[in-house]
PDB file of N, CA and C in Angstrom:
ATOM      1  N   MET A   1     -18.864  17.482 -23.885  1.00  0.00           N
ATOM      2  CA  MET A   1     -17.665  18.277 -24.013  1.00  0.00           C
ATOM      3  C   MET A   1     -16.518  17.359 -24.433  1.00  0.00           C
ATOM      4  N   THR A   2     -15.790  17.768 -25.441  1.00  0.00           N
ATOM      5  CA  THR A   2     -14.674  16.999 -25.965  1.00  0.00           C
ATOM      6  C   THR A   2     -13.370  17.631 -25.508  1.00  0.00           C
ATOM      7  N   LYS A   3     -12.470  16.786 -25.049  1.00  0.00           N
ATOM      8  CA  LYS A   3     -11.155  17.248 -24.618  1.00  0.00           C
ATOM      9  C   LYS A   3     -10.112  16.798 -25.618  1.00  0.00           C
ATOM     10  N   SER A   4      -9.313  17.711 -26.096  1.00  0.00           N
ATOM     11  CA  SER A   4      -8.232  17.354 -27.009  1.00  0.00           C
ATOM     12  C   SER A   4      -7.009  16.970 -26.203  1.00  0.00           C
ATOM     13  N   ILE A   5      -6.339  15.911 -26.646  1.00  0.00           N
ATOM     14  CA  ILE A   5      -5.096  15.502 -26.003  1.00  0.00           C
ATOM     15  C   ILE A   5      -4.031  15.405 -27.081  1.00  0.00           C
ATOM     16  N   GLU A   6      -2.799  15.495 -26.663  1.00  0.00           N
ATOM     17  CA  GLU A   6      -1.690  15.352 -27.592  1.00  0.00           C
ATOM     18  C   GLU A   6      -0.835  14.191 -27.109  1.00  0.00           C
ATOM     19  N   VAL A   7      -0.669  13.194 -27.973  1.00  0.00           N
ATOM     20  CA  VAL A   7       0.161  12.053 -27.620  1.00  0.00           C
ATOM     21  C   VAL A   7       1.299  11.924 -28.624  1.00  0.00           C
ATOM     22  N   THR A   8       2.393  11.381 -28.171  1.00  0.00           N
ATOM     23  CA  THR A   8       3.536  11.135 -29.035  1.00  0.00           C
ATOM     24  C   THR A   8       3.534   9.681 -29.435  1.00  0.00           C
ATOM     25  N   ILE A   9       3.592   9.460 -30.749  1.00  0.00           N
ATOM     26  CA  ILE A   9       3.630   8.095 -31.284  1.00  0.00           C
ATOM     27  C   ILE A   9       4.951   7.955 -32.044  1.00  0.00           C
ATOM     28  N   PHE A  10       5.715   6.907 -31.732  1.00  0.00           N
ATOM     29  CA  PHE A  10       6.970   6.656 -32.439  1.00  0.00           C
ATOM     30  C   PHE A  10       6.655   6.336 -33.901  1.00  0.00           C
ATOM     31  N   PRO A  11       7.631   6.524 -34.801  1.00  0.00           N
ATOM     32  CA  PRO A  11       7.391   6.278 -36.234  1.00  0.00           C
ATOM     33  C   PRO A  11       6.872   4.866 -36.546  1.00  0.00           C
ATOM     34  N   ASP A  12       7.188   3.885 -35.702  1.00  0.00           N
ATOM     35  CA  ASP A  12       6.714   2.508 -35.940  1.00  0.00           C
ATOM     36  C   ASP A  12       5.354   2.249 -35.316  1.00  0.00           C
ATOM     37  N   GLY A  13       4.714   3.251 -34.739  1.00  0.00           N
ATOM     38  CA  GLY A  13       3.370   3.105 -34.187  1.00  0.00           C
ATOM     39  C   GLY A  13       3.319   2.813 -32.702  1.00  0.00           C
ATOM     40  N   ARG A  14       4.474   2.808 -32.031  1.00  0.00           N
ATOM     41  CA  ARG A  14       4.495   2.526 -30.587  1.00  0.00           C
ATOM     42  C   ARG A  14       4.203   3.778 -29.764  1.00  0.00           C
ATOM     43  N   LEU A  15       3.576   3.528 -28.612  1.00  0.00           N
ATOM     44  CA  LEU A  15       3.372   4.568 -27.589  1.00  0.00           C
ATOM     45  C   LEU A  15       3.966   4.056 -26.303  1.00  0.00           C
ATOM     46  N   ASP A  16       4.613   4.941 -25.545  1.00  0.00           N
ATOM     47  CA  ASP A  16       5.084   4.544 -24.222  1.00  0.00           C
ATOM     48  C   ASP A  16       3.889   4.558 -23.267  1.00  0.00           C
ATOM     49  N   THR A  17       4.112   4.138 -22.038  1.00  0.00           N
ATOM     50  CA  THR A  17       3.014   4.010 -21.077  1.00  0.00           C
ATOM     51  C   THR A  17       2.332   5.365 -20.823  1.00  0.00           C
ATOM     52  N   THR A  18       3.088   6.432 -20.723  1.00  0.00           N
ATOM     53  CA  THR A  18       2.511   7.739 -20.479  1.00  0.00           C
ATOM     54  C   THR A  18       1.535   8.131 -21.587  1.00  0.00           C
ATOM     55  N   ASN A  19       1.984   7.987 -22.825  1.00  0.00           N
ATOM     56  CA  ASN A  19       1.141   8.364 -23.965  1.00  0.00           C
ATOM     57  C   ASN A  19      -0.020   7.384 -24.163  1.00  0.00           C
ATOM     58  N   ALA A  20       0.201   6.104 -23.911  1.00  0.00           N
ATOM     59  CA  ALA A  20      -0.886   5.122 -24.026  1.00  0.00           C
ATOM     60  C   ALA A  20      -1.980   5.417 -23.010  1.00  0.00           C
ATOM     61  N   SER A  21      -1.578   5.760 -21.800  1.00  0.00           N
ATOM     62  CA  SER A  21      -2.590   6.073 -20.772  1.00  0.00           C
ATOM     63  C   SER A  21      -3.389   7.310 -21.153  1.00  0.00           C
ATOM     64  N   GLU A  22      -2.741   8.323 -21.699  1.00  0.00           N
ATOM     65  CA  GLU A  22      -3.447   9.520 -22.172  1.00  0.00           C
ATOM     66  C   GLU A  22      -4.416   9.155 -23.310  1.00  0.00           C
ATOM     67  N   TYR A  23      -3.931   8.341 -24.238  1.00  0.00           N
ATOM     68  CA  TYR A  23      -4.728   7.939 -25.402  1.00  0.00           C
ATOM     69  C   TYR A  23      -5.989   7.197 -24.965  1.00  0.00           C
ATOM     70  N   LEU A  24      -5.821   6.302 -23.965  1.00  0.00           N
ATOM     71  CA  LEU A  24      -6.961   5.496 -23.508  1.00  0.00           C
ATOM     72  C   LEU A  24      -7.824   6.194 -22.469  1.00  0.00           C
ATOM     73  N   GLY A  25      -7.310   7.261 -21.871  1.00  0.00           N
ATOM     74  CA  GLY A  25      -8.035   7.945 -20.804  1.00  0.00           C
ATOM     75  C   GLY A  25      -7.979   7.186 -19.486  1.00  0.00           C
ATOM     76  N   LEU A  26      -6.915   6.438 -19.292  1.00  0.00           N
ATOM     77  CA  LEU A  26      -6.695   5.676 -18.057  1.00  0.00           C
ATOM     78  C   LEU A  26      -5.430   6.180 -17.382  1.00  0.00           C
ATOM     79  N   SER A  27      -5.292   5.892 -16.098  1.00  0.00           N
ATOM     80  CA  SER A  27      -4.055   6.267 -15.409  1.00  0.00           C
ATOM     81  C   SER A  27      -2.972   5.240 -15.738  1.00  0.00           C
ATOM     82  N   GLN A  28      -1.726   5.651 -15.544  1.00  0.00           N
ATOM     83  CA  GLN A  28      -0.612   4.734 -15.744  1.00  0.00           C
ATOM     84  C   GLN A  28      -0.695   3.563 -14.769  1.00  0.00           C
ATOM     85  N   LYS A  29      -1.142   3.843 -13.555  1.00  0.00           N
ATOM     86  CA  LYS A  29      -1.285   2.795 -12.548  1.00  0.00           C
ATOM     87  C   LYS A  29      -2.342   1.766 -12.972  1.00  0.00           C
ATOM     88  N   THR A  30      -3.432   2.239 -13.548  1.00  0.00           N
ATOM     89  CA  THR A  30      -4.460   1.322 -14.030  1.00  0.00           C
ATOM     90  C   THR A  30      -3.913   0.430 -15.127  1.00  0.00           C
ATOM     91  N   LEU A  31      -3.154   0.992 -16.058  1.00  0.00           N
ATOM     92  CA  LEU A  31      -2.531   0.183 -17.115  1.00  0.00           C
ATOM     93  C   LEU A  31      -1.595  -0.855 -16.517  1.00  0.00           C
ATOM     94  N   ALA A  32      -0.814  -0.462 -15.518  1.00  0.00           N
ATOM     95  CA  ALA A  32       0.114  -1.397 -14.874  1.00  0.00           C
ATOM     96  C   ALA A  32      -0.646  -2.555 -14.214  1.00  0.00           C
ATOM     97  N   MET A  33      -1.740  -2.237 -13.544  1.00  0.00           N
ATOM     98  CA  MET A  33      -2.549  -3.260 -12.920  1.00  0.00           C
ATOM     99  C   MET A  33      -3.148  -4.201 -13.946  1.00  0.00           C
ATOM    100  N   MET A  34      -3.593  -3.646 -15.050  1.00  0.00           N
ATOM    101  CA  MET A  34      -4.152  -4.465 -16.115  1.00  0.00           C
ATOM    102  C   MET A  34      -3.101  -5.392 -16.738  1.00  0.00           C
ATOM    103  N   ARG A  35      -1.874  -4.907 -16.875  1.00  0.00           N
ATOM    104  CA  ARG A  35      -0.790  -5.766 -17.386  1.00  0.00           C
ATOM    105  C   ARG A  35      -0.573  -6.949 -16.465  1.00  0.00           C
ATOM    106  N   CYS A  36      -0.572  -6.697 -15.164  1.00  0.00           N
ATOM    107  CA  CYS A  36      -0.352  -7.765 -14.178  1.00  0.00           C
ATOM    108  C   CYS A  36      -1.512  -8.764 -14.189  1.00  0.00           C
ATOM    109  N   GLN A  37      -2.731  -8.289 -14.399  1.00  0.00           N
ATOM    110  CA  GLN A  37      -3.907  -9.160 -14.376  1.00  0.00           C
ATOM    111  C   GLN A  37      -4.150  -9.808 -15.735  1.00  0.00           C
ATOM    112  N   GLY A  38      -3.482  -9.314 -16.773  1.00  0.00           N
ATOM    113  CA  GLY A  38      -3.634  -9.888 -18.100  1.00  0.00           C
ATOM    114  C   GLY A  38      -4.931  -9.521 -18.797  1.00  0.00           C
ATOM    115  N   ASN A  39      -5.554  -8.404 -18.402  1.00  0.00           N
ATOM    116  CA  ASN A  39      -6.816  -8.026 -19.029  1.00  0.00           C
ATOM    117  C   ASN A  39      -6.773  -6.682 -19.727  1.00  0.00           C
ATOM    118  N   GLY A  40      -5.611  -6.158 -19.984  1.00  0.00           N
ATOM    119  CA  GLY A  40      -5.480  -4.886 -20.668  1.00  0.00           C
ATOM    120  C   GLY A  40      -5.087  -5.080 -22.104  1.00  0.00           C
ATOM    121  N   PRO A  41      -4.736  -4.022 -22.778  1.00  0.00           N
ATOM    122  CA  PRO A  41      -4.322  -4.119 -24.186  1.00  0.00           C
ATOM    123  C   PRO A  41      -2.975  -4.821 -24.280  1.00  0.00           C
ATOM    124  N   ALA A  42      -2.719  -5.401 -25.458  1.00  0.00           N
ATOM    125  CA  ALA A  42      -1.441  -6.055 -25.733  1.00  0.00           C
ATOM    126  C   ALA A  42      -0.315  -5.048 -25.604  1.00  0.00           C
ATOM    127  N   PHE A  43       0.830  -5.504 -25.114  1.00  0.00           N
ATOM    128  CA  PHE A  43       1.986  -4.628 -24.941  1.00  0.00           C
ATOM    129  C   PHE A  43       3.261  -5.412 -25.226  1.00  0.00           C
ATOM    130  N   ILE A  44       4.346  -4.690 -25.382  1.00  0.00           N
ATOM    131  CA  ILE A  44       5.651  -5.323 -25.540  1.00  0.00           C
ATOM    132  C   ILE A  44       6.591  -4.708 -24.509  1.00  0.00           C
ATOM    133  N   LYS A  45       7.581  -5.473 -24.122  1.00  0.00           N
ATOM    134  CA  LYS A  45       8.571  -4.973 -23.174  1.00  0.00           C
ATOM    135  C   LYS A  45       9.934  -5.042 -23.826  1.00  0.00           C
ATOM    136  N   ARG A  46      10.484  -3.902 -24.113  1.00  0.00           N
ATOM    137  CA  ARG A  46      11.806  -3.787 -24.695  1.00  0.00           C
ATOM    138  C   ARG A  46      12.630  -2.854 -23.802  1.00  0.00           C
ATOM    139  N   GLY A  47      12.910  -3.324 -22.582  1.00  0.00           N
ATOM    140  CA  GLY A  47      13.549  -2.461 -21.592  1.00  0.00           C
ATOM    141  C   GLY A  47      12.492  -1.621 -20.888  1.00  0.00           C
ATOM    142  N   ARG A  48      11.589  -1.052 -21.661  1.00  0.00           N
ATOM    143  CA  ARG A  48      10.426  -0.314 -21.163  1.00  0.00           C
ATOM    144  C   ARG A  48       9.181  -0.941 -21.786  1.00  0.00           C
ATOM    145  N   ILE A  49       8.043  -0.560 -21.266  1.00  0.00           N
ATOM    146  CA  ILE A  49       6.771  -1.040 -21.794  1.00  0.00           C
ATOM    147  C   ILE A  49       6.306  -0.129 -22.926  1.00  0.00           C
ATOM    148  N   PHE A  50       5.866  -0.756 -24.020  1.00  0.00           N
ATOM    149  CA  PHE A  50       5.319  -0.006 -25.156  1.00  0.00           C
ATOM    150  C   PHE A  50       4.020  -0.660 -25.617  1.00  0.00           C
ATOM    151  N   TYR A  51       3.171   0.137 -26.216  1.00  0.00           N
ATOM    152  CA  TYR A  51       1.912  -0.339 -26.788  1.00  0.00           C
ATOM    153  C   TYR A  51       1.874   0.124 -28.240  1.00  0.00           C
ATOM    154  N   TYR A  52       1.337  -0.711 -29.121  1.00  0.00           N
ATOM    155  CA  TYR A  52       1.115  -0.300 -30.499  1.00  0.00           C
ATOM    156  C   TYR A  52      -0.279   0.323 -30.597  1.00  0.00           C
ATOM    157  N   LYS A  53      -0.394   1.423 -31.322  1.00  0.00           N
ATOM    158  CA  LYS A  53      -1.654   2.131 -31.453  1.00  0.00           C
ATOM    159  C   LYS A  53      -2.755   1.204 -31.981  1.00  0.00           C
ATOM    160  N   GLU A  54      -2.421   0.356 -32.916  1.00  0.00           N
ATOM    161  CA  GLU A  54      -3.444  -0.552 -33.480  1.00  0.00           C
ATOM    162  C   GLU A  54      -3.968  -1.530 -32.425  1.00  0.00           C
ATOM    163  N   ASP A  55      -3.097  -1.938 -31.477  1.00  0.00           N
ATOM    164  CA  ASP A  55      -3.551  -2.817 -30.391  1.00  0.00           C
ATOM    165  C   ASP A  55      -4.442  -2.061 -29.417  1.00  0.00           C
ATOM    166  N   LEU A  56      -4.121  -0.793 -29.172  1.00  0.00           N
ATOM    167  CA  LEU A  56      -4.959   0.025 -28.280  1.00  0.00           C
ATOM    168  C   LEU A  56      -6.337   0.235 -28.903  1.00  0.00           C
ATOM    169  N   ASP A  57      -6.359   0.506 -30.206  1.00  0.00           N
ATOM    170  CA  ASP A  57      -7.645   0.708 -30.896  1.00  0.00           C
ATOM    171  C   ASP A  57      -8.473  -0.570 -30.869  1.00  0.00           C
ATOM    172  N   ALA A  58      -7.840  -1.713 -31.114  1.00  0.00           N
ATOM    173  CA  ALA A  58      -8.557  -2.990 -31.098  1.00  0.00           C
ATOM    174  C   ALA A  58      -9.100  -3.294 -29.698  1.00  0.00           C
ATOM    175  N   TRP A  59      -8.315  -3.009 -28.683  1.00  0.00           N
ATOM    176  CA  TRP A  59      -8.752  -3.241 -27.307  1.00  0.00           C
ATOM    177  C   TRP A  59      -9.934  -2.349 -26.949  1.00  0.00           C
ATOM    178  N   LEU A  60      -9.886  -1.089 -27.391  1.00  0.00           N
ATOM    179  CA  LEU A  60     -10.999  -0.175 -27.158  1.00  0.00           C
ATOM    180  C   LEU A  60     -12.268  -0.667 -27.847  1.00  0.00           C
ATOM    181  N   GLN A  61     -12.139  -1.122 -29.082  1.00  0.00           N
ATOM    182  CA  GLN A  61     -13.298  -1.630 -29.835  1.00  0.00           C
ATOM    183  C   GLN A  61     -13.884  -2.853 -29.144  1.00  0.00           C
ATOM    184  N   GLU A  62     -13.041  -3.763 -28.716  1.00  0.00           N
ATOM    185  CA  GLU A  62     -13.492  -4.982 -28.061  1.00  0.00           C
ATOM    186  C   GLU A  62     -14.163  -4.667 -26.724  1.00  0.00           C
ATOM    187  N   GLY A  63     -13.526  -3.846 -25.923  1.00  0.00           N
ATOM    188  CA  GLY A  63     -14.047  -3.507 -24.601  1.00  0.00           C
ATOM    189  C   GLY A  63     -15.278  -2.634 -24.637  1.00  0.00           C
ATOM    190  N   GLY A  64     -15.467  -1.903 -25.708  1.00  0.00           N
ATOM    191  CA  GLY A  64     -16.591  -0.994 -25.801  1.00  0.00           C
ATOM    192  C   GLY A  64     -17.930  -1.697 -25.947  1.00  0.00           C
ATOM    193  N   LYS A  65     -17.913  -3.019 -26.131  1.00  0.00           N
ATOM    194  CA  LYS A  65     -19.148  -3.750 -26.372  1.00  0.00           C
ATOM    195  C   LYS A  65     -19.803  -4.258 -25.087  1.00  0.00           C
ATOM    196  N   LEU A  66     -19.189  -4.039 -23.947  1.00  0.00           N
ATOM    197  CA  LEU A  66     -19.771  -4.492 -22.680  1.00  0.00           C
ATOM    198  C   LEU A  66     -20.752  -3.467 -22.161  1.00  0.00           C
ATOM    199  N   SER A  67     -21.804  -3.937 -21.523  1.00  0.00           N
ATOM    200  CA  SER A  67     -22.769  -2.997 -20.946  1.00  0.00           C
ATOM    201  C   SER A  67     -22.672  -2.921 -19.431  1.00  0.00           C
ATOM    202  N   SER A  68     -21.932  -3.863 -18.820  1.00  0.00           N
ATOM    203  CA  SER A  68     -21.694  -3.795 -17.377  1.00  0.00           C
ATOM    204  C   SER A  68     -20.405  -4.520 -17.048  1.00  0.00           C
ATOM    205  N   THR A  69     -19.842  -4.232 -15.881  1.00  0.00           N
ATOM    206  CA  THR A  69     -18.589  -4.881 -15.480  1.00  0.00           C
ATOM    207  C   THR A  69     -18.801  -6.354 -15.189  1.00  0.00           C
ATOM    208  N   SER A  70     -20.035  -6.791 -14.973  1.00  0.00           N
ATOM    209  CA  SER A  70     -20.268  -8.214 -14.715  1.00  0.00           C
ATOM    210  C   SER A  70     -20.182  -9.037 -15.983  1.00  0.00           C
ATOM    211  N   GLN A  71     -20.032  -8.392 -17.132  1.00  0.00           N
ATOM    212  CA  GLN A  71     -19.948  -9.117 -18.395  1.00  0.00           C
ATOM    213  C   GLN A  71     -18.499  -9.341 -18.835  1.00  0.00           C
ATOM    214  N   LYS A  72     -17.553  -9.227 -17.943  1.00  0.00           N
ATOM    215  CA  LYS A  72     -16.164  -9.404 -18.302  1.00  0.00           C
ATOM    216  C   LYS A  72     -15.967 -10.700 -19.065  1.00  0.00           C
ATOM    217  N   ARG A  73     -15.275 -10.611 -20.206  1.00  0.00           N
ATOM    218  CA  ARG A  73     -15.049 -11.792 -21.020  1.00  0.00           C
ATOM    219  C   ARG A  73     -13.647 -12.316 -20.790  1.00  0.00           C
ATOM    220  N   PHE A  74     -13.505 -13.602 -20.856  1.00  0.00           N
ATOM    221  CA  PHE A  74     -12.217 -14.245 -20.698  1.00  0.00           C
ATOM    222  C   PHE A  74     -11.792 -14.800 -22.057  1.00  0.00           C
ATOM    223  N   PRO A  75     -10.478 -14.793 -22.333  1.00  0.00           N
ATOM    224  CA  PRO A  75     -10.011 -15.322 -23.611  1.00  0.00           C
ATOM    225  C   PRO A  75     -10.424 -16.792 -23.755  1.00  0.00           C
ATOM    226  N   GLU A  76     -10.780 -17.146 -24.980  1.00  0.00           N
ATOM    227  CA  GLU A  76     -11.211 -18.531 -25.241  1.00  0.00           C
ATOM    228  C   GLU A  76     -10.038 -19.376 -25.644  1.00  0.00           C
TER     229      GLU A  76
END
């Protein structure tokens, strides 16, 4: 079953935390925890937290290659 979602993307490709979490299918709290741990998608802070859609897509592609949580990769 496929669920359609509607997200708002700024003209420059940014998404706020609410829309990024919807896009990724994660909670806002999970995204916040990932930011603190340094293992989530790239983000910028300009008064508020924003994510670029291309960074979210790259993070999804990279993370989609794991077959178990024990395979967590660390930056080289």
